[in-house]
Structures are given as C-alpha cells and as structure tokens.
Amino acid sequence: MTDIAQASATPAASEKDTVPRQAVTLGLISLAALLVSLTSSVLVPVLPQMGASMHASPAALEWVLTSTLLVAAVAVPVFGRLADLYGKKRMLVTTQVILVLGSVVCALTSNTAVMIAGRAIVGLSMAGVSLGISLISSLLPPERSGQGIALISSMLGIGGALGLPLAGLVAEHADYHALFWICAAGGIIAIAGIIPLVPESARLASGRFDLPGTALLTVTLVTLLLPLSEAGSWGWGNAKTIGLLTAFAVLAITLVAMERRLASPVIDMRVNARPALLLTNVASVCVGFAMFASLIGTATYVEAPRASGYGFGQSIVGSGLCMLPSGLAMLAMSPVSAKLSARFGPKFTLALGALVVAIGFLGRIAFTAHLWEVIAGTTIAGAGTGIAFAGMPSLILLAAPRSELAAANGLNSLARSVGSSLASAVGGTILASSVIFVGGTALPSLAAYRVLFALCAGSAVVGAILALTVPPATDD
C-alpha cells in the first residue's frame, strides 16, 4: 500500500461501501466542484453585455469579479476549518446552498450594487473544491481515493474551459441572466443528491472556532488581493497600492504571531510551517500563476484581429472553444496523474506537471503562425496543469494531520488563488506595457504576450524545483 493510500484510510472509508455507491459519491462531489469552477469563469465573456444592461461604469463592473475574488479568498480557509470542526459534508452542502442563493440574487437583478452583492455571496461557495477533495480523501477507500482526488482537482480547469464557450453562446443568443439560472439549477441538483447519498466523514478535530483570527485573516487577505486586483488601473506606484501591500506585510506578521499562540486557530501556523506543507503551498502559487495566465493569454489572443500580426479574429464562442481542449486534457490526465502519484509519489507528479506546463508555454512563444499551434500549446499547458493540480492535494494529504485536513486543503487552494491573482495583476501590467494600434484600438503586442508566456514558463519551472525539494512527511 502506498503512502497516499495509507494517509487516506479513515473510519469513514468502510469496506462495506460498494463500488457503485463510491462512484455516486465521487460523481456528486465532482459536480459540486465543477459548479464552483464554472461559476467563477462564466462571467468573463459576458461582461460587456452586463455593463450595457446595467449601465455600469468599468470600475463598477470590475467589482462584479473582484467581490467574488475577495470573499472567496477568505471563505476557502475558513470553511476548511469549519469542516474539520463540524463536518466536511455539512460544509460542502452549505457552500452549494450559498451558490444557489447568490446565483438567484444575480439572476433576478440588473442593478449593479445588487449584482456585486450577489457575486460576493457566490464567493463564499468557492470553498467547494477544497472541501470536496477533503471529503473524498476521507470517504473513498485507499485504492480509489487518489483517482478521486485527481478528478476533483481537474474540475478547476474543466469548469473554466467549459464556462468560456457556454458564456459565449449565451452572450450571442440569450440574455446573460440565463447563466445564473444554469448555475442555480446545477447547485440544486448537487444538493438534492449529496444530502441523501453522500455520507458524512468522521470528525477528528476538536476546539472552538477562532472568530478573532478569522476577522484578522479577512482584513489581511483583503489588503493583499485588493491591490493585486486593482494594480492594473491604480498602478504599482500608486499610494493605495503601496499602502495596502505594506499593510498586508504588517498584518500578516501579526496574524502569524497571534495564531501561533492559540490552541484552536483558524490556520495552524505551526503545522503549515512544516517544510512539506510550506513548500507545497509555495509551489502551488507558482503553478496557479501559470494556469491563470493561460486563460488571460488565450481568449484575448485569438480574438485579436489578423491585422494585429498574431490574432485570428475569433468570436467569443470561438475563443472559448479554443480553450475547451485544455479542459478536456485536464480531465484525461486525472487518472494518469493518480497512477503516477501512486507509483512515484505526489511530489514527482507535481514537478512533472509543472514542467509540462512550462513546455506548453514555450510552445506558445515559438509557434504563432496557425490557430492549431496556439490550441496545441494551450492544451499541453492544460494537461500539465491537470497533472500538477492532482499532485498538490495528495502532498497535503500526506503532510497534514487528519484533524486539520480540510483546513490544510483550504490553505492550499488559497495559495493557488493568490497565484492566479498575481498572474492577473502582473499579466495585465505586461500586456498594457507594450501595445499596438489596429483601427484606432490599442491591443497588446505579440512581444508582450511572449514576455507573459516566458514568465509563466519560468514560474512553472520554479514550481517544479520546489516540488522536488518537498521532504517526506513525518508522522503526526
């Protein structure tokens, strides 16, 4: 039996559970994870339609996305701790209820303020992926948990890949509110299946929920992610950007010092300072950076007119379909990555996936003449992301105490989100720093895209090196 299998064995993984029931459990939890990922990506192509419908300024429209990002950053680690204390299934169902509620609020309004509030509510549901990973690792037997973890991890990319063409179709043929109704309906189906058919995992944690720590964590994350999300419009040298990042540094030190003294912290700093967890999370930041930059560097790239010298004049639907093979590659790689982790160890899987991501981006730099070359490079990067994302929770599973598994997975998801936020900020700055004008419209130059892809490749290589330095986990 491998180390991963041994780590995933819990009392909840009963030998009496039949294979069909395990398949149903995995399918329902995967659906919940897919909806979370889908909800976070579907708005990007329809933002112009939303802005026109709500008569919203660009700054107000940006907050439709930013509100979800900020709330999600806090929700992921907090729900992880709540799941350890009160039950992983209970918290997963809670996130789906929140997803339905937030989606319905958005579906029923064309008011900008209400839309932002609805999207903030949806942000609370973003913990669903890490909760699903933790629940699967507790429920499935050792021989199946690795594949289950890999499948749920792949939902992050699959949801993004499906969300773009789906939103494009809606933007061309229907009102954007239909997207919210689709997400709400999916959430209702997931809730109706999870409640009666998915068992609860054994609760191993004890203690009280850390409200002061949660409040300080909230403020700390906002001071980091707000300037990252707004750096493109504020500027990196702006007083608000510098002031908030400085405040983040001070608050982060304060948070670590406070949490280290508590018996039941929202984030156990001592545990997460272990090299096995710390290095995994830093590597996750690097891979998260590369993954998100692939999204922002593909849709706008292929939509650019041919007169730009690199674009292909694709429609919104066409650009979304260009991302679809990447999502399918993530799905196809999930069983492969599980087998690799079982045979060679998850740190090898994470490192290999990161290197494949780097190869994909190097291909994006070198081959630009044909659309199929762009799709091939993006698909290779997607396959690598799928492999890498399966290795991350497996490393967390080996290194985290059983009583803090959901919280540790939540922190790892947060690390990926920080990487994505950093990619958005840095990528936006790079693409705006070198532009060309086509018909009076400013577009990023091919050189700017190549710089972004080179940075992604370098980030992925750093992630691979860090993964290989992860030491073996010690017993709790």
Protein backbone atom coordinates (compact mmCIF):
# COMPACT_ATOMS: atom_id res chain seq x y z
CA MET A 1 0.00 0.00 0.00
CA THR A 2 1.35 3.44 -0.93
CA ASP A 3 1.84 6.33 1.45
CA ILE A 4 -1.10 8.15 -0.13
CA ALA A 5 -3.35 5.16 0.38
CA GLN A 6 -2.30 4.84 3.99
CA ALA A 7 -2.92 8.52 4.60
CA SER A 8 -6.40 8.43 3.13
CA ALA A 9 -7.61 5.48 5.18
CA THR A 10 -10.16 6.65 7.76
CA PRO A 11 -13.00 5.02 9.64
CA ALA A 12 -15.42 6.57 7.17
CA ALA A 13 -13.95 4.58 4.28
CA SER A 14 -15.83 1.41 5.12
CA GLU A 15 -15.15 -1.79 3.25
CA LYS A 16 -18.94 -2.26 3.09
CA ASP A 17 -19.26 0.67 0.72
CA THR A 18 -19.99 -0.73 -2.73
CA VAL A 19 -18.24 0.43 -5.86
CA PRO A 20 -21.47 1.91 -7.30
CA ARG A 21 -22.03 3.93 -4.13
CA GLN A 22 -18.44 5.16 -4.25
CA ALA A 23 -18.96 6.16 -7.88
CA VAL A 24 -22.12 8.08 -6.97
CA THR A 25 -20.30 9.82 -4.13
CA LEU A 26 -17.44 10.81 -6.41
CA GLY A 27 -19.82 11.94 -9.17
CA LEU A 28 -21.86 14.20 -6.89
CA ILE A 29 -18.84 15.77 -5.23
CA SER A 30 -17.25 16.29 -8.66
CA LEU A 31 -20.46 18.02 -9.80
CA ALA A 32 -20.28 20.37 -6.83
CA ALA A 33 -16.64 21.18 -7.63
CA LEU A 34 -17.44 21.69 -11.32
CA LEU A 35 -20.21 24.17 -10.49
CA VAL A 36 -17.88 26.17 -8.27
CA SER A 37 -15.31 26.38 -11.04
CA LEU A 38 -17.93 27.12 -13.69
CA THR A 39 -19.45 29.92 -11.62
CA SER A 40 -16.10 31.63 -11.29
CA SER A 41 -15.41 31.72 -15.06
CA VAL A 42 -18.72 32.24 -16.88
CA LEU A 43 -18.93 36.00 -16.43
CA VAL A 44 -15.73 36.97 -18.21
CA PRO A 45 -17.08 36.77 -21.79
CA VAL A 46 -20.40 38.48 -20.95
CA LEU A 47 -19.01 41.47 -19.02
CA PRO A 48 -19.60 43.88 -21.94
CA GLN A 49 -23.23 42.73 -22.19
CA MET A 50 -23.64 43.10 -18.43
CA GLY A 51 -22.14 46.57 -18.46
CA ALA A 52 -24.53 47.75 -21.17
CA SER A 53 -27.55 46.21 -19.46
CA MET A 54 -26.77 47.65 -16.02
CA HIS A 55 -25.37 50.97 -17.33
CA ALA A 56 -22.35 50.25 -15.15
CA SER A 57 -19.05 52.08 -15.30
CA PRO A 58 -15.92 49.99 -16.00
CA ALA A 59 -14.82 50.42 -12.37
CA ALA A 60 -18.19 49.22 -11.03
CA LEU A 61 -18.24 46.33 -13.48
CA GLU A 62 -14.79 45.23 -12.33
CA TRP A 63 -16.17 44.86 -8.82
CA VAL A 64 -18.58 42.19 -10.08
CA LEU A 65 -15.48 39.99 -10.40
CA THR A 66 -13.39 41.47 -7.59
CA SER A 67 -16.09 40.97 -4.95
CA THR A 68 -16.14 37.23 -5.68
CA LEU A 69 -12.35 37.02 -5.54
CA LEU A 70 -12.03 38.79 -2.20
CA VAL A 71 -14.80 36.85 -0.48
CA ALA A 72 -13.56 33.53 -1.89
CA ALA A 73 -10.05 34.14 -0.57
CA VAL A 74 -11.39 34.34 2.97
CA ALA A 75 -14.05 31.65 2.56
CA VAL A 76 -11.71 28.87 1.42
CA PRO A 77 -9.52 28.58 4.55
CA VAL A 78 -12.36 29.47 6.91
CA PHE A 79 -14.73 26.82 5.53
CA GLY A 80 -11.86 24.37 5.72
CA ARG A 81 -11.54 24.92 9.44
CA LEU A 82 -15.32 24.77 9.90
CA ALA A 83 -15.35 21.45 8.02
CA ASP A 84 -12.74 19.95 10.32
CA LEU A 85 -14.76 21.05 13.35
CA TYR A 86 -18.34 20.43 12.22
CA GLY A 87 -18.27 18.06 9.25
CA LYS A 88 -16.99 18.16 5.67
CA LYS A 89 -20.27 17.09 4.05
CA ARG A 90 -22.21 19.65 6.07
CA MET A 91 -19.93 22.45 4.89
CA LEU A 92 -19.94 21.22 1.27
CA VAL A 93 -23.75 21.29 1.24
CA THR A 94 -23.63 24.75 2.84
CA THR A 95 -21.42 26.05 0.03
CA GLN A 96 -23.83 24.69 -2.57
CA VAL A 97 -26.79 26.35 -0.84
CA ILE A 98 -24.84 29.61 -0.86
CA LEU A 99 -24.02 29.15 -4.56
CA VAL A 100 -27.72 28.74 -5.36
CA LEU A 101 -28.69 31.75 -3.24
CA GLY A 102 -26.05 34.02 -4.77
CA SER A 103 -26.86 32.86 -8.31
CA VAL A 104 -30.58 33.53 -7.82
CA VAL A 105 -29.85 37.02 -6.48
CA CYS A 106 -27.78 37.74 -9.61
CA ALA A 107 -30.38 36.17 -11.92
CA LEU A 108 -33.14 38.43 -10.59
CA THR A 109 -31.34 41.78 -10.84
CA SER A 110 -29.92 44.25 -13.32
CA ASN A 111 -28.84 46.61 -10.56
CA THR A 112 -25.07 46.93 -10.28
CA ALA A 113 -24.94 47.10 -6.48
CA VAL A 114 -27.21 44.09 -6.06
CA MET A 115 -25.23 42.18 -8.69
CA ILE A 116 -21.99 42.86 -6.79
CA ALA A 117 -23.66 41.69 -3.57
CA GLY A 118 -24.89 38.53 -5.26
CA ARG A 119 -21.45 37.76 -6.62
CA ALA A 120 -19.97 38.34 -3.17
CA ILE A 121 -22.40 35.73 -1.82
CA VAL A 122 -21.28 33.35 -4.58
CA GLY A 123 -17.70 33.91 -3.45
CA LEU A 124 -18.49 32.09 -0.21
CA SER A 125 -19.17 28.94 -2.23
CA MET A 126 -15.67 28.84 -3.75
CA ALA A 127 -14.51 26.62 -0.89
CA GLY A 128 -16.41 23.75 -2.53
CA VAL A 129 -13.41 22.33 -4.42
CA SER A 130 -11.08 22.02 -1.44
CA LEU A 131 -13.95 20.69 0.70
CA GLY A 132 -14.71 18.09 -1.96
CA ILE A 133 -11.09 16.96 -2.05
CA SER A 134 -11.01 16.61 1.74
CA LEU A 135 -14.33 14.73 1.81
CA ILE A 136 -13.26 12.30 -0.93
CA SER A 137 -9.96 11.58 0.83
CA SER A 138 -11.96 10.63 3.92
CA LEU A 139 -14.74 8.63 2.26
CA LEU A 140 -13.16 6.63 -0.52
CA PRO A 141 -11.09 3.52 0.21
CA PRO A 142 -7.33 3.70 -0.24
CA GLU A 143 -7.26 2.15 -3.70
CA ARG A 144 -9.70 4.75 -5.11
CA SER A 145 -9.01 7.95 -3.20
CA GLY A 146 -6.05 9.00 -5.37
CA GLN A 147 -8.11 8.89 -8.56
CA GLY A 148 -10.96 10.69 -6.83
CA ILE A 149 -8.70 13.50 -5.64
CA ALA A 150 -7.22 13.85 -9.13
CA LEU A 151 -10.68 14.04 -10.73
CA ILE A 152 -11.96 16.72 -8.37
CA SER A 153 -8.75 18.73 -8.79
CA SER A 154 -9.22 18.63 -12.56
CA MET A 155 -12.66 20.24 -12.16
CA LEU A 156 -10.92 23.58 -11.59
CA GLY A 157 -9.67 23.62 -15.16
CA ILE A 158 -12.62 21.84 -16.70
CA GLY A 159 -15.08 24.37 -15.29
CA GLY A 160 -13.03 27.22 -16.68
CA ALA A 161 -12.75 25.57 -20.09
CA LEU A 162 -16.50 24.84 -20.26
CA GLY A 163 -17.51 28.19 -18.84
CA LEU A 164 -15.97 30.28 -21.62
CA PRO A 165 -17.78 28.71 -24.61
CA LEU A 166 -21.00 28.38 -22.60
CA ALA A 167 -20.92 32.07 -21.74
CA GLY A 168 -20.06 32.92 -25.32
CA LEU A 169 -23.10 31.05 -26.61
CA VAL A 170 -25.32 32.79 -24.10
CA ALA A 171 -23.83 36.18 -24.99
CA GLU A 172 -24.62 35.64 -28.67
CA HIS A 173 -28.07 34.04 -28.38
CA ALA A 174 -29.65 34.89 -25.00
CA ASP A 175 -29.64 37.21 -22.01
CA TYR A 176 -26.67 36.82 -19.66
CA HIS A 177 -29.03 36.19 -16.72
CA ALA A 178 -29.51 32.67 -18.10
CA LEU A 179 -26.00 31.82 -16.88
CA PHE A 180 -27.03 32.42 -13.28
CA TRP A 181 -30.11 30.25 -13.65
CA ILE A 182 -27.94 27.44 -15.06
CA CYS A 183 -25.60 27.65 -12.06
CA ALA A 184 -28.52 27.76 -9.61
CA ALA A 185 -30.16 24.71 -11.22
CA GLY A 186 -26.89 22.80 -11.08
CA GLY A 187 -26.47 23.65 -7.41
CA ILE A 188 -29.98 22.41 -6.61
CA ILE A 189 -29.25 19.10 -8.36
CA ALA A 190 -25.99 18.73 -6.43
CA ILE A 191 -27.71 19.44 -3.08
CA ALA A 192 -30.55 17.02 -3.85
CA GLY A 193 -28.00 14.27 -4.49
CA ILE A 194 -25.40 14.96 -1.81
CA ILE A 195 -27.76 15.16 1.16
CA PRO A 196 -29.25 11.64 0.86
CA LEU A 197 -26.47 9.80 -0.99
CA VAL A 198 -23.12 11.09 0.30
CA PRO A 199 -22.14 10.04 3.83
CA GLU A 200 -20.54 12.35 6.35
CA SER A 201 -16.87 11.82 7.19
CA ALA A 202 -15.56 11.14 10.66
CA ARG A 203 -14.84 14.30 12.66
CA LEU A 204 -11.40 14.20 14.22
CA ALA A 205 -10.86 17.85 15.18
CA SER A 206 -11.80 19.48 18.45
CA GLY A 207 -11.77 23.02 19.78
CA ARG A 208 -13.65 26.26 19.20
CA PHE A 209 -13.90 28.31 16.04
CA ASP A 210 -11.45 31.22 16.06
CA LEU A 211 -13.54 34.33 15.37
CA PRO A 212 -10.82 36.94 16.13
CA GLY A 213 -8.37 35.07 13.91
CA THR A 214 -10.96 34.89 11.12
CA ALA A 215 -11.54 38.64 11.31
CA LEU A 216 -7.81 39.37 11.16
CA LEU A 217 -7.37 36.86 8.33
CA THR A 218 -10.13 38.62 6.38
CA VAL A 219 -8.50 42.03 6.67
CA THR A 220 -5.07 40.59 5.88
CA LEU A 221 -6.20 38.88 2.68
CA VAL A 222 -8.12 41.95 1.50
CA THR A 223 -5.00 44.10 1.86
CA LEU A 224 -3.15 41.63 -0.38
CA LEU A 225 -5.73 40.75 -3.02
CA LEU A 226 -7.35 44.17 -3.45
CA PRO A 227 -4.16 45.89 -4.65
CA LEU A 228 -3.33 42.87 -6.84
CA SER A 229 -6.73 43.01 -8.49
CA GLU A 230 -6.63 46.80 -8.93
CA ALA A 231 -2.94 47.27 -9.75
CA GLY A 232 -3.71 47.46 -13.47
CA SER A 233 -5.89 50.54 -13.02
CA TRP A 234 -4.25 52.07 -9.94
CA GLY A 235 -0.65 51.49 -10.99
CA TRP A 236 2.04 49.70 -8.99
CA GLY A 237 3.50 53.00 -7.79
CA ASN A 238 0.15 54.37 -6.61
CA ALA A 239 -0.07 55.28 -2.91
CA LYS A 240 -3.09 52.98 -2.44
CA THR A 241 -1.26 50.01 -3.94
CA ILE A 242 1.89 50.56 -1.89
CA GLY A 243 -0.06 51.37 1.28
CA LEU A 244 -2.22 48.25 1.11
CA LEU A 245 0.71 45.95 0.35
CA THR A 246 2.61 47.47 3.28
CA ALA A 247 -0.42 46.95 5.50
CA PHE A 248 -0.56 43.34 4.32
CA ALA A 249 3.03 42.74 5.44
CA VAL A 250 2.31 44.15 8.90
CA LEU A 251 -0.99 42.31 9.28
CA ALA A 252 0.48 39.01 8.06
CA ILE A 253 3.20 39.15 10.74
CA THR A 254 0.56 39.98 13.34
CA LEU A 255 -1.68 37.13 12.17
CA VAL A 256 1.12 34.57 12.36
CA ALA A 257 2.12 35.71 15.85
CA MET A 258 -1.48 35.62 17.12
CA GLU A 259 -2.41 32.27 15.57
CA ARG A 260 0.72 30.57 16.93
CA ARG A 261 -0.46 31.28 20.47
CA LEU A 262 -3.97 29.84 20.10
CA ALA A 263 -4.98 26.28 20.91
CA SER A 264 -7.63 26.23 18.14
CA PRO A 265 -6.54 28.70 15.42
CA VAL A 266 -8.32 29.23 12.13
CA ILE A 267 -4.95 28.49 10.46
CA ASP A 268 -2.48 26.36 12.40
CA MET A 269 0.74 28.23 11.68
CA ARG A 270 2.94 25.62 13.33
CA VAL A 271 1.57 22.80 11.20
CA ASN A 272 1.59 24.80 7.96
CA ALA A 273 5.16 25.94 8.59
CA ARG A 274 6.29 22.33 8.18
CA PRO A 275 8.53 22.17 5.10
CA ALA A 276 6.31 19.56 3.41
CA LEU A 277 3.26 21.86 3.59
CA LEU A 278 5.05 25.17 3.17
CA LEU A 279 6.94 24.14 0.03
CA THR A 280 3.84 22.55 -1.47
CA ASN A 281 1.88 25.77 -0.98
CA VAL A 282 4.63 27.96 -2.45
CA ALA A 283 4.85 25.62 -5.46
CA SER A 284 1.06 25.90 -5.77
CA VAL A 285 1.35 29.69 -6.02
CA CYS A 286 3.73 29.24 -8.97
CA VAL A 287 1.51 26.76 -10.82
CA GLY A 288 -1.61 28.82 -10.06
CA PHE A 289 0.13 31.80 -11.65
CA ALA A 290 0.86 29.85 -14.82
CA MET A 291 -2.65 28.40 -15.06
CA PHE A 292 -4.47 31.72 -14.82
CA ALA A 293 -2.12 33.45 -17.23
CA SER A 294 -3.02 30.77 -19.77
CA LEU A 295 -6.65 31.88 -19.54
CA ILE A 296 -5.97 35.60 -19.89
CA GLY A 297 -3.37 34.96 -22.59
CA THR A 298 -5.52 32.81 -24.86
CA ALA A 299 -9.02 34.25 -25.18
CA THR A 300 -7.94 37.81 -25.99
CA TYR A 301 -5.06 36.49 -28.11
CA VAL A 302 -7.19 34.52 -30.56
CA GLU A 303 -9.94 37.19 -30.59
CA ALA A 304 -7.47 39.84 -31.76
CA PRO A 305 -7.89 40.72 -35.48
CA ARG A 306 -5.48 39.25 -38.00
CA ALA A 307 -4.19 42.77 -38.66
CA SER A 308 -2.52 42.59 -35.24
CA GLY A 309 0.02 40.19 -36.72
CA TYR A 310 -0.82 37.36 -34.34
CA GLY A 311 -4.57 37.17 -33.75
CA PHE A 312 -7.14 35.07 -35.59
CA GLY A 313 -10.29 37.20 -35.31
CA GLN A 314 -12.20 34.57 -33.36
CA SER A 315 -15.61 35.26 -31.85
CA ILE A 316 -16.29 34.92 -28.14
CA VAL A 317 -17.63 31.42 -28.75
CA GLY A 318 -14.66 30.56 -30.93
CA SER A 319 -12.15 31.72 -28.32
CA GLY A 320 -13.95 29.67 -25.69
CA LEU A 321 -13.83 26.59 -27.89
CA CYS A 322 -10.08 27.12 -28.28
CA MET A 323 -9.82 26.61 -24.51
CA LEU A 324 -12.00 23.51 -24.49
CA PRO A 325 -9.24 21.02 -25.45
CA SER A 326 -7.23 22.30 -22.49
CA GLY A 327 -10.04 21.39 -20.09
CA LEU A 328 -10.51 18.01 -21.72
CA ALA A 329 -6.78 17.37 -21.37
CA MET A 330 -7.05 18.07 -17.63
CA LEU A 331 -9.85 15.55 -17.37
CA ALA A 332 -7.93 12.95 -19.39
CA MET A 333 -4.84 13.40 -17.22
CA SER A 334 -6.64 12.91 -13.89
CA PRO A 335 -6.39 9.08 -13.84
CA VAL A 336 -2.85 9.23 -15.25
CA SER A 337 -1.71 11.63 -12.54
CA ALA A 338 -3.26 9.43 -9.86
CA LYS A 339 -1.28 6.43 -11.12
CA LEU A 340 1.90 8.49 -11.28
CA SER A 341 1.41 9.65 -7.70
CA ALA A 342 0.77 6.11 -6.51
CA ARG A 343 3.91 4.81 -8.21
CA PHE A 344 6.42 7.64 -7.91
CA GLY A 345 4.95 9.89 -5.22
CA PRO A 346 2.92 13.11 -5.50
CA LYS A 347 5.91 15.44 -5.45
CA PHE A 348 7.10 13.80 -8.68
CA THR A 349 3.60 14.30 -10.13
CA LEU A 350 3.58 17.98 -9.17
CA ALA A 351 7.06 18.55 -10.60
CA LEU A 352 6.28 16.70 -13.83
CA GLY A 353 3.03 18.59 -14.31
CA ALA A 354 4.76 21.93 -13.78
CA LEU A 355 7.43 21.06 -16.35
CA VAL A 356 4.76 20.09 -18.89
CA VAL A 357 3.12 23.47 -18.25
CA ALA A 358 6.45 25.15 -18.99
CA ILE A 359 6.77 23.21 -22.26
CA GLY A 360 3.30 24.34 -23.28
CA PHE A 361 4.15 27.99 -22.74
CA LEU A 362 7.46 27.68 -24.57
CA GLY A 363 5.41 26.33 -27.47
CA ARG A 364 3.17 29.40 -27.26
CA ILE A 365 6.28 31.59 -27.61
CA ALA A 366 7.79 29.71 -30.55
CA PHE A 367 4.73 28.81 -32.64
CA THR A 368 2.29 31.57 -33.55
CA ALA A 369 1.51 31.20 -37.26
CA HIS A 370 -1.52 28.91 -37.06
CA LEU A 371 -4.52 28.63 -34.75
CA TRP A 372 -3.90 24.92 -34.18
CA GLU A 373 -0.44 25.75 -32.81
CA VAL A 374 -1.97 28.07 -30.24
CA ILE A 375 -4.53 25.44 -29.27
CA ALA A 376 -1.81 22.77 -29.06
CA GLY A 377 0.37 24.90 -26.76
CA THR A 378 -2.60 25.74 -24.53
CA THR A 379 -3.67 22.09 -24.43
CA ILE A 380 -0.19 20.96 -23.40
CA ALA A 381 -0.19 23.56 -20.63
CA GLY A 382 -3.66 22.37 -19.60
CA ALA A 383 -2.52 18.75 -19.44
CA GLY A 384 0.40 19.77 -17.26
CA THR A 385 -1.89 21.79 -15.01
CA GLY A 386 -4.16 18.77 -14.60
CA ILE A 387 -1.20 16.60 -13.59
CA ALA A 388 0.17 19.21 -11.20
CA PHE A 389 -3.18 20.00 -9.58
CA ALA A 390 -3.65 16.32 -8.76
CA GLY A 391 -0.29 16.21 -7.01
CA MET A 392 -0.95 19.16 -4.70
CA PRO A 393 -3.80 17.74 -2.57
CA SER A 394 -2.03 14.38 -2.43
CA LEU A 395 1.01 16.08 -0.90
CA ILE A 396 -1.27 17.91 1.55
CA LEU A 397 -2.92 14.60 2.40
CA LEU A 398 0.43 13.08 3.35
CA ALA A 399 1.69 16.04 5.36
CA ALA A 400 -1.36 17.42 7.21
CA PRO A 401 -2.75 15.94 10.43
CA ARG A 402 -6.03 14.08 9.87
CA SER A 403 -7.79 16.51 12.20
CA GLU A 404 -6.77 19.50 10.04
CA LEU A 405 -7.07 18.03 6.56
CA ALA A 406 -9.85 20.31 5.28
CA ALA A 407 -8.16 23.43 6.66
CA ALA A 408 -4.86 22.43 5.05
CA ASN A 409 -6.56 21.82 1.70
CA GLY A 410 -8.29 25.17 2.04
CA LEU A 411 -4.97 26.92 2.59
CA ASN A 412 -3.53 25.16 -0.47
CA SER A 413 -6.48 26.34 -2.56
CA LEU A 414 -5.85 29.84 -1.24
CA ALA A 415 -2.23 29.55 -2.40
CA ARG A 416 -3.42 28.74 -5.91
CA SER A 417 -5.82 31.70 -5.78
CA VAL A 418 -3.03 34.04 -4.73
CA GLY A 419 -1.01 32.80 -7.71
CA SER A 420 -3.95 33.46 -10.02
CA SER A 421 -4.47 36.95 -8.59
CA LEU A 422 -0.80 37.71 -9.02
CA ALA A 423 -0.97 36.46 -12.62
CA SER A 424 -3.94 38.72 -13.30
CA ALA A 425 -2.12 41.76 -11.90
CA VAL A 426 1.27 41.09 -13.48
CA GLY A 427 -0.22 39.83 -16.74
CA GLY A 428 -2.42 42.89 -17.09
CA THR A 429 0.55 45.15 -16.50
CA ILE A 430 2.71 43.32 -19.05
CA LEU A 431 0.03 43.32 -21.73
CA ALA A 432 -0.64 47.02 -21.18
CA SER A 433 3.05 47.94 -21.26
CA SER A 434 3.56 47.18 -24.97
CA VAL A 435 0.66 47.87 -27.32
CA ILE A 436 -0.05 48.24 -31.00
CA PHE A 437 -2.90 50.15 -32.63
CA VAL A 438 -5.25 48.43 -35.06
CA GLY A 439 -8.02 50.60 -36.45
CA GLY A 440 -7.54 53.06 -33.61
CA THR A 441 -7.84 50.33 -30.95
CA ALA A 442 -4.92 49.58 -28.63
CA LEU A 443 -4.06 45.88 -28.43
CA PRO A 444 -1.25 44.06 -26.61
CA SER A 445 1.71 43.37 -28.87
CA LEU A 446 2.98 39.89 -29.68
CA ALA A 447 6.15 40.75 -27.75
CA ALA A 448 4.06 41.46 -24.63
CA TYR A 449 2.34 38.08 -24.90
CA ARG A 450 5.70 36.36 -25.32
CA VAL A 451 7.02 38.05 -22.19
CA LEU A 452 3.96 36.86 -20.29
CA PHE A 453 4.36 33.29 -21.57
CA ALA A 454 8.06 33.30 -20.70
CA LEU A 455 7.20 34.44 -17.19
CA CYS A 456 4.63 31.63 -16.93
CA ALA A 457 7.17 29.05 -18.11
CA GLY A 458 9.70 30.33 -15.57
CA SER A 459 7.11 30.28 -12.79
CA ALA A 460 6.21 26.69 -13.63
CA VAL A 461 9.88 25.64 -13.59
CA VAL A 462 10.31 27.24 -10.16
CA GLY A 463 7.24 25.33 -9.01
CA ALA A 464 8.77 22.07 -10.29
CA ILE A 465 12.04 22.71 -8.45
CA LEU A 466 10.20 23.50 -5.23
CA ALA A 467 8.10 20.34 -5.58
CA LEU A 468 11.21 18.18 -5.83
CA THR A 469 12.54 19.68 -2.60
CA VAL A 470 9.43 18.74 -0.58
CA PRO A 471 10.69 16.43 2.17
CA PRO A 472 8.93 13.22 3.20
CA ALA A 473 6.08 13.86 5.62
CA THR A 474 6.65 12.92 9.25
CA ASP A 475 4.09 11.19 11.43
CA ASP A 476 1.77 13.43 13.45
